[in-house]
Protein backbone atom coordinates (compact mmCIF):
# COMPACT_ATOMS: atom_id res chain seq x y z
CA MET A 1 -0.03 0.03 -0.03
CA ASP A 2 1.33 3.43 -0.91
CA SER A 3 1.31 5.45 2.31
CA GLU A 4 1.50 8.76 0.36
CA ASN A 5 -1.98 8.11 -1.01
CA ILE A 6 -3.56 7.28 2.37
CA VAL A 7 -6.02 9.84 3.65
CA CYS A 8 -6.05 10.13 7.41
CA PRO A 9 -9.18 8.40 8.88
CA VAL A 10 -9.75 11.39 11.20
CA ASP A 11 -9.96 13.64 8.10
CA GLN A 12 -12.26 11.25 6.41
CA THR A 13 -14.63 11.20 9.45
CA LEU A 14 -14.54 15.00 9.72
CA ASN A 15 -15.37 15.19 5.96
CA LEU A 16 -18.60 13.21 6.68
CA ILE A 17 -19.71 15.51 9.49
CA ASN A 18 -18.08 18.79 8.49
CA LYS A 19 -21.15 21.00 7.85
CA LYS A 20 -21.75 23.45 10.67
CA TRP A 21 -24.91 21.87 12.03
CA SER A 22 -24.15 18.18 11.42
CA ILE A 23 -23.20 17.28 14.94
CA GLN A 24 -26.15 19.03 16.51
CA ILE A 25 -28.51 17.27 14.14
CA ILE A 26 -26.98 13.88 14.83
CA ARG A 27 -27.13 14.63 18.53
CA ASP A 28 -30.86 15.57 18.16
CA MET A 29 -31.60 12.35 16.48
CA PHE A 30 -30.09 10.40 19.34
CA PHE A 31 -32.52 12.36 21.59
CA GLY A 32 -35.53 11.34 19.53
CA LYS A 33 -35.95 14.26 17.13
CA LYS A 34 -36.77 13.30 13.58
CA HIS A 35 -38.77 16.04 11.92
CA PHE A 36 -37.44 19.25 10.23
CA LYS A 37 -39.44 21.46 12.59
CA GLU A 38 -37.81 19.72 15.66
CA PHE A 39 -34.32 20.29 14.35
CA LYS A 40 -35.28 23.95 13.87
CA GLN A 41 -36.64 24.20 17.44
CA SER A 42 -33.43 22.81 18.80
CA ASN A 43 -31.19 24.94 16.69
CA PRO A 44 -33.18 28.19 15.96
CA LYS A 45 -30.18 29.90 14.47
CA VAL A 46 -29.88 27.51 11.52
CA SER A 47 -31.68 28.70 8.41
CA ASN A 48 -34.08 26.43 6.43
CA LYS A 49 -31.78 26.24 3.52
CA VAL A 50 -28.72 25.33 5.62
CA LEU A 51 -30.66 22.71 7.53
CA SER A 52 -32.09 21.17 4.42
CA ASN A 53 -28.62 21.07 2.79
CA CYS A 54 -27.11 19.51 5.93
CA LEU A 55 -29.82 16.85 6.10
CA LYS A 56 -29.24 15.98 2.40
CA ASP A 57 -25.47 15.81 3.01
CA LEU A 58 -25.88 13.47 6.03
CA GLU A 59 -28.16 11.26 3.99
CA LYS A 60 -25.72 11.26 1.06
CA ASN A 61 -22.97 10.19 3.48
CA GLY A 62 -25.08 7.25 4.83
CA LEU A 63 -25.46 8.66 8.34
CA ILE A 64 -29.25 9.18 8.18
CA GLU A 65 -32.18 7.92 6.25
CA LYS A 66 -35.12 9.99 5.08
CA HIS A 67 -38.60 8.43 5.23
CA VAL A 68 -41.47 10.19 3.40
CA LEU A 69 -44.81 9.15 4.93
CA ASP A 70 -47.98 8.95 2.86
CA THR A 71 -49.90 11.45 4.94
CA THR A 72 -51.79 14.66 4.32
CA PRO A 73 -49.78 16.79 4.41
CA ILE A 74 -46.86 14.75 3.48
CA THR A 75 -44.69 14.10 6.50
CA THR A 76 -40.84 13.49 6.34
CA GLU A 77 -38.97 11.82 9.09
CA TYR A 78 -35.20 11.35 9.48
CA TYR A 79 -33.51 8.44 11.30
CA LEU A 80 -29.95 7.62 12.04
CA THR A 81 -28.52 4.62 10.17
CA GLU A 82 -26.49 2.06 12.00
CA TYR A 83 -23.50 3.81 10.60
CA GLY A 84 -24.79 7.11 12.01
CA LYS A 85 -25.49 5.51 15.40
CA SER A 86 -21.88 4.42 15.57
CA LEU A 87 -21.00 8.14 16.25
CA ASN A 88 -22.59 7.70 19.71
CA LYS A 89 -19.16 7.55 21.49
CA ILE A 90 -17.92 10.63 19.60
CA ILE A 91 -21.00 12.57 20.66
CA TYR A 92 -20.59 11.37 24.17
CA GLU A 93 -16.97 12.33 24.39
CA LEU A 94 -17.73 15.80 23.04
CA ALA A 95 -20.24 16.20 25.88
CA MET A 96 -17.78 14.82 28.46
CA PHE A 97 -15.03 17.18 27.22
CA THR A 98 -17.07 20.08 28.43
CA LEU A 99 -18.45 18.49 31.49
CA LYS A 100 -14.97 17.62 32.71
CA ARG A 101 -13.69 21.28 32.28
CA GLU A 102 -16.70 23.53 32.59
CA ASP A 103 -17.10 25.26 35.94
CA SER A 104 -20.53 26.66 35.13
CA TYR A 105 -22.22 23.38 35.92
CA SER A 106 -22.92 22.23 39.43
CA GLU A 107 -21.79 18.78 40.31
CA GLU A 108 -25.51 17.58 40.40
CA ILE A 109 -26.17 19.01 36.93
CA ARG A 110 -22.93 17.54 35.60
CA ASN A 111 -23.86 14.05 37.00
CA ASP A 112 -27.43 14.37 35.54
CA LEU A 113 -26.14 15.38 32.10
CA LYS A 114 -23.55 12.54 32.13
CA LYS A 115 -26.25 10.04 33.05
CA ASN A 116 -28.67 11.34 30.43
CA PHE A 117 -26.00 11.28 27.61
CA LYS A 118 -24.82 7.80 28.70
CA GLU A 119 -28.41 6.34 28.61
CA THR A 120 -29.46 8.12 25.40
CA LEU A 121 -26.28 7.25 23.49
CA ASN A 122 -26.18 3.66 24.84
CA ILE A 123 -22.73 4.08 26.32
CA GLU A 124 -21.63 1.25 28.65
CA ASP A 125 -19.02 1.60 31.42
């Protein structure tokens, strides 16, 4: 194998999730959000166009699936793929990075957040 042509796996991962709102959308999906409106509520600063493009990009990269339901009006739901769900440890470690260093959280809130992320992301000790 020619080592000069090998792309760093960290770079490859970051290329999959490099859009500004990608991590927040993935996080939201772990916490049960699946509709465009729910993503907007969690991230009110994101524009509709940027959110739409980000969802398309995550779908193209195999991290989420889009399901269009035959309802009136038509409803679209987004779900993490198994590949997308494998980002659980990365999301968890991002949260823990701040919880370990941030002085603005009380010990009780820090423990509650850690427990909540652990349960939601299916992180085992």
